[in-house]
Amino acid sequence: LVKIRNYLDLYYKVLYLIVNIIDRSLSLMKVFINRLALLIATSLIISLKYK
């Protein structure tokens, strides 16, 4: 995630929001390893819409 943040030159606040969304999602549902990349990408999109 930090590499993505550096590549896209995002604010650290967006990075923290991405981690927060991922953490909340993982606490509510079971995510298989092959779907984890999808969860990360979705969290990134949601965070960018918020900021």
PDB file of N, CA and C in Angstrom:
ATOM      1  N   LEU A   1       0.811  -1.199   0.000  1.00  0.00           N
ATOM      2  CA  LEU A   1       0.000   0.000   0.000  1.00  0.00           C
ATOM      3  C   LEU A   1       0.855   1.264   0.000  1.00  0.00           C
ATOM      4  N   VAL A   2       1.961   1.215   0.692  1.00  0.00           N
ATOM      5  CA  VAL A   2       2.834   2.389   0.727  1.00  0.00           C
ATOM      6  C   VAL A   2       3.439   2.641  -0.649  1.00  0.00           C
ATOM      7  N   LYS A   3       3.782   1.580  -1.369  1.00  0.00           N
ATOM      8  CA  LYS A   3       4.317   1.747  -2.722  1.00  0.00           C
ATOM      9  C   LYS A   3       3.270   2.367  -3.642  1.00  0.00           C
ATOM     10  N   ILE A   4       2.021   1.931  -3.499  1.00  0.00           N
ATOM     11  CA  ILE A   4       0.932   2.506  -4.295  1.00  0.00           C
ATOM     12  C   ILE A   4       0.755   3.975  -3.943  1.00  0.00           C
ATOM     13  N   ARG A   5       0.827   4.275  -2.645  1.00  0.00           N
ATOM     14  CA  ARG A   5       0.695   5.660  -2.183  1.00  0.00           C
ATOM     15  C   ARG A   5       1.791   6.538  -2.769  1.00  0.00           C
ATOM     16  N   ASN A   6       3.009   6.036  -2.774  1.00  0.00           N
ATOM     17  CA  ASN A   6       4.126   6.804  -3.324  1.00  0.00           C
ATOM     18  C   ASN A   6       4.007   6.957  -4.834  1.00  0.00           C
ATOM     19  N   TYR A   7       3.586   5.889  -5.521  1.00  0.00           N
ATOM     20  CA  TYR A   7       3.460   5.927  -6.972  1.00  0.00           C
ATOM     21  C   TYR A   7       2.380   6.922  -7.406  1.00  0.00           C
ATOM     22  N   LEU A   8       1.257   6.925  -6.693  1.00  0.00           N
ATOM     23  CA  LEU A   8       0.152   7.813  -7.048  1.00  0.00           C
ATOM     24  C   LEU A   8       0.257   9.181  -6.384  1.00  0.00           C
ATOM     25  N   ASP A   9       1.262   9.359  -5.522  1.00  0.00           N
ATOM     26  CA  ASP A   9       1.491  10.621  -4.819  1.00  0.00           C
ATOM     27  C   ASP A   9       0.243  11.071  -4.058  1.00  0.00           C
ATOM     28  N   LEU A  10      -0.256  10.172  -3.224  1.00  0.00           N
ATOM     29  CA  LEU A  10      -1.454  10.438  -2.431  1.00  0.00           C
ATOM     30  C   LEU A  10      -1.074  11.009  -1.072  1.00  0.00           C
ATOM     31  N   TYR A  11      -2.031  11.660  -0.461  1.00  0.00           N
ATOM     32  CA  TYR A  11      -1.835  12.126   0.911  1.00  0.00           C
ATOM     33  C   TYR A  11      -1.808  10.927   1.844  1.00  0.00           C
ATOM     34  N   TYR A  12      -1.107  11.081   2.956  1.00  0.00           N
ATOM     35  CA  TYR A  12      -1.072   9.995   3.937  1.00  0.00           C
ATOM     36  C   TYR A  12      -2.448   9.758   4.543  1.00  0.00           C
ATOM     37  N   LYS A  13      -3.271  10.788   4.564  1.00  0.00           N
ATOM     38  CA  LYS A  13      -4.632  10.645   5.086  1.00  0.00           C
ATOM     39  C   LYS A  13      -5.419   9.616   4.267  1.00  0.00           C
ATOM     40  N   VAL A  14      -5.195   9.602   2.962  1.00  0.00           N
ATOM     41  CA  VAL A  14      -5.861   8.628   2.096  1.00  0.00           C
ATOM     42  C   VAL A  14      -5.361   7.223   2.415  1.00  0.00           C
ATOM     43  N   LEU A  15      -4.075   7.082   2.663  1.00  0.00           N
ATOM     44  CA  LEU A  15      -3.513   5.782   3.025  1.00  0.00           C
ATOM     45  C   LEU A  15      -4.138   5.268   4.314  1.00  0.00           C
ATOM     46  N   TYR A  16      -4.267   6.137   5.302  1.00  0.00           N
ATOM     47  CA  TYR A  16      -4.879   5.734   6.569  1.00  0.00           C
ATOM     48  C   TYR A  16      -6.337   5.339   6.369  1.00  0.00           C
ATOM     49  N   LEU A  17      -7.035   6.038   5.484  1.00  0.00           N
ATOM     50  CA  LEU A  17      -8.428   5.706   5.202  1.00  0.00           C
ATOM     51  C   LEU A  17      -8.535   4.348   4.511  1.00  0.00           C
ATOM     52  N   ILE A  18      -7.618   4.056   3.604  1.00  0.00           N
ATOM     53  CA  ILE A  18      -7.603   2.751   2.934  1.00  0.00           C
ATOM     54  C   ILE A  18      -7.425   1.636   3.958  1.00  0.00           C
ATOM     55  N   VAL A  19      -6.471   1.802   4.845  1.00  0.00           N
ATOM     56  CA  VAL A  19      -6.217   0.791   5.873  1.00  0.00           C
ATOM     57  C   VAL A  19      -7.427   0.647   6.787  1.00  0.00           C
ATOM     58  N   ASN A  20      -8.073   1.750   7.118  1.00  0.00           N
ATOM     59  CA  ASN A  20      -9.255   1.716   7.965  1.00  0.00           C
ATOM     60  C   ASN A  20     -10.386   0.940   7.294  1.00  0.00           C
ATOM     61  N   ILE A  21     -10.623   1.183   6.017  1.00  0.00           N
ATOM     62  CA  ILE A  21     -11.680   0.478   5.288  1.00  0.00           C
ATOM     63  C   ILE A  21     -11.370  -1.012   5.209  1.00  0.00           C
ATOM     64  N   ILE A  22     -10.122  -1.353   4.924  1.00  0.00           N
ATOM     65  CA  ILE A  22      -9.732  -2.765   4.860  1.00  0.00           C
ATOM     66  C   ILE A  22      -9.913  -3.426   6.216  1.00  0.00           C
ATOM     67  N   ASP A  23      -9.505  -2.754   7.273  1.00  0.00           N
ATOM     68  CA  ASP A  23      -9.631  -3.299   8.626  1.00  0.00           C
ATOM     69  C   ASP A  23     -11.089  -3.531   8.992  1.00  0.00           C
ATOM     70  N   ARG A  24     -11.939  -2.569   8.699  1.00  0.00           N
ATOM     71  CA  ARG A  24     -13.372  -2.730   8.992  1.00  0.00           C
ATOM     72  C   ARG A  24     -13.980  -3.874   8.193  1.00  0.00           C
ATOM     73  N   SER A  25     -13.603  -3.978   6.930  1.00  0.00           N
ATOM     74  CA  SER A  25     -14.142  -5.042   6.078  1.00  0.00           C
ATOM     75  C   SER A  25     -13.714  -6.415   6.566  1.00  0.00           C
ATOM     76  N   LEU A  26     -12.447  -6.541   6.935  1.00  0.00           N
ATOM     77  CA  LEU A  26     -11.951  -7.837   7.401  1.00  0.00           C
ATOM     78  C   LEU A  26     -12.542  -8.221   8.750  1.00  0.00           C
ATOM     79  N   SER A  27     -12.932  -7.239   9.548  1.00  0.00           N
ATOM     80  CA  SER A  27     -13.541  -7.562  10.840  1.00  0.00           C
ATOM     81  C   SER A  27     -14.989  -8.003  10.685  1.00  0.00           C
ATOM     82  N   LEU A  28     -15.626  -7.641   9.566  1.00  0.00           N
ATOM     83  CA  LEU A  28     -17.029  -7.991   9.361  1.00  0.00           C
ATOM     84  C   LEU A  28     -17.238  -9.247   8.528  1.00  0.00           C
ATOM     85  N   MET A  29     -16.302  -9.557   7.645  1.00  0.00           N
ATOM     86  CA  MET A  29     -16.516 -10.690   6.745  1.00  0.00           C
ATOM     87  C   MET A  29     -15.222 -11.458   6.518  1.00  0.00           C
ATOM     88  N   LYS A  30     -15.399 -12.671   6.080  1.00  0.00           N
ATOM     89  CA  LYS A  30     -14.269 -13.533   5.761  1.00  0.00           C
ATOM     90  C   LYS A  30     -13.873 -13.287   4.306  1.00  0.00           C
ATOM     91  N   VAL A  31     -12.619 -12.928   4.097  1.00  0.00           N
ATOM     92  CA  VAL A  31     -12.127 -12.642   2.748  1.00  0.00           C
ATOM     93  C   VAL A  31     -11.023 -13.636   2.424  1.00  0.00           C
ATOM     94  N   PHE A  32     -11.202 -14.345   1.325  1.00  0.00           N
ATOM     95  CA  PHE A  32     -10.185 -15.292   0.890  1.00  0.00           C
ATOM     96  C   PHE A  32      -9.016 -14.539   0.266  1.00  0.00           C
ATOM     97  N   ILE A  33      -7.868 -15.165   0.286  1.00  0.00           N
ATOM     98  CA  ILE A  33      -6.633 -14.516  -0.155  1.00  0.00           C
ATOM     99  C   ILE A  33      -6.704 -14.092  -1.627  1.00  0.00           C
ATOM    100  N   ASN A  34      -7.435 -14.840  -2.445  1.00  0.00           N
ATOM    101  CA  ASN A  34      -7.522 -14.482  -3.863  1.00  0.00           C
ATOM    102  C   ASN A  34      -8.435 -13.278  -4.097  1.00  0.00           C
ATOM    103  N   ARG A  35      -9.202 -12.876  -3.101  1.00  0.00           N
ATOM    104  CA  ARG A  35     -10.067 -11.701  -3.208  1.00  0.00           C
ATOM    105  C   ARG A  35      -9.516 -10.491  -2.452  1.00  0.00           C
ATOM    106  N   LEU A  36      -8.384 -10.665  -1.816  1.00  0.00           N
ATOM    107  CA  LEU A  36      -7.809  -9.577  -1.027  1.00  0.00           C
ATOM    108  C   LEU A  36      -7.379  -8.409  -1.914  1.00  0.00           C
ATOM    109  N   ALA A  37      -6.854  -8.686  -3.081  1.00  0.00           N
ATOM    110  CA  ALA A  37      -6.459  -7.621  -4.007  1.00  0.00           C
ATOM    111  C   ALA A  37      -7.677  -6.812  -4.447  1.00  0.00           C
ATOM    112  N   LEU A  38      -8.801  -7.481  -4.627  1.00  0.00           N
ATOM    113  CA  LEU A  38     -10.038  -6.789  -4.983  1.00  0.00           C
ATOM    114  C   LEU A  38     -10.490  -5.872  -3.852  1.00  0.00           C
ATOM    115  N   LEU A  39     -10.382  -6.344  -2.622  1.00  0.00           N
ATOM    116  CA  LEU A  39     -10.732  -5.523  -1.461  1.00  0.00           C
ATOM    117  C   LEU A  39      -9.821  -4.297  -1.365  1.00  0.00           C
ATOM    118  N   ILE A  40      -8.542  -4.479  -1.604  1.00  0.00           N
ATOM    119  CA  ILE A  40      -7.594  -3.360  -1.557  1.00  0.00           C
ATOM    120  C   ILE A  40      -7.906  -2.342  -2.655  1.00  0.00           C
ATOM    121  N   ALA A  41      -8.173  -2.826  -3.860  1.00  0.00           N
ATOM    122  CA  ALA A  41      -8.483  -1.918  -4.970  1.00  0.00           C
ATOM    123  C   ALA A  41      -9.779  -1.156  -4.713  1.00  0.00           C
ATOM    124  N   THR A  42     -10.776  -1.844  -4.184  1.00  0.00           N
ATOM    125  CA  THR A  42     -12.046  -1.194  -3.871  1.00  0.00           C
ATOM    126  C   THR A  42     -11.871  -0.153  -2.776  1.00  0.00           C
ATOM    127  N   SER A  43     -11.077  -0.472  -1.780  1.00  0.00           N
ATOM    128  CA  SER A  43     -10.807   0.482  -0.700  1.00  0.00           C
ATOM    129  C   SER A  43     -10.087   1.713  -1.233  1.00  0.00           C
ATOM    130  N   LEU A  44      -9.185   1.505  -2.170  1.00  0.00           N
ATOM    131  CA  LEU A  44      -8.473   2.623  -2.788  1.00  0.00           C
ATOM    132  C   LEU A  44      -9.443   3.530  -3.538  1.00  0.00           C
ATOM    133  N   ILE A  45     -10.345   2.942  -4.300  1.00  0.00           N
ATOM    134  CA  ILE A  45     -11.318   3.731  -5.063  1.00  0.00           C
ATOM    135  C   ILE A  45     -12.231   4.520  -4.130  1.00  0.00           C
ATOM    136  N   ILE A  46     -12.715   3.862  -3.078  1.00  0.00           N
ATOM    137  CA  ILE A  46     -13.585   4.543  -2.112  1.00  0.00           C
ATOM    138  C   ILE A  46     -12.838   5.694  -1.447  1.00  0.00           C
ATOM    139  N   SER A  47     -11.599   5.469  -1.073  1.00  0.00           N
ATOM    140  CA  SER A  47     -10.808   6.510  -0.416  1.00  0.00           C
ATOM    141  C   SER A  47     -10.563   7.699  -1.331  1.00  0.00           C
ATOM    142  N   LEU A  48     -10.313   7.429  -2.592  1.00  0.00           N
ATOM    143  CA  LEU A  48     -10.082   8.523  -3.535  1.00  0.00           C
ATOM    144  C   LEU A  48     -11.349   9.332  -3.774  1.00  0.00           C
ATOM    145  N   LYS A  49     -12.498   8.680  -3.748  1.00  0.00           N
ATOM    146  CA  LYS A  49     -13.768   9.397  -3.894  1.00  0.00           C
ATOM    147  C   LYS A  49     -14.021  10.285  -2.681  1.00  0.00           C
ATOM    148  N   TYR A  50     -13.629   9.802  -1.511  1.00  0.00           N
ATOM    149  CA  TYR A  50     -13.830  10.563  -0.283  1.00  0.00           C
ATOM    150  C   TYR A  50     -12.965  11.814  -0.262  1.00  0.00           C
ATOM    151  N   LYS A  51     -11.728  11.669  -0.650  1.00  0.00           N
ATOM    152  CA  LYS A  51     -10.785  12.789  -0.603  1.00  0.00           C
ATOM    153  C   LYS A  51     -10.980  13.628  -1.833  1.00  0.00           C
TER     154      LYS A  51
END
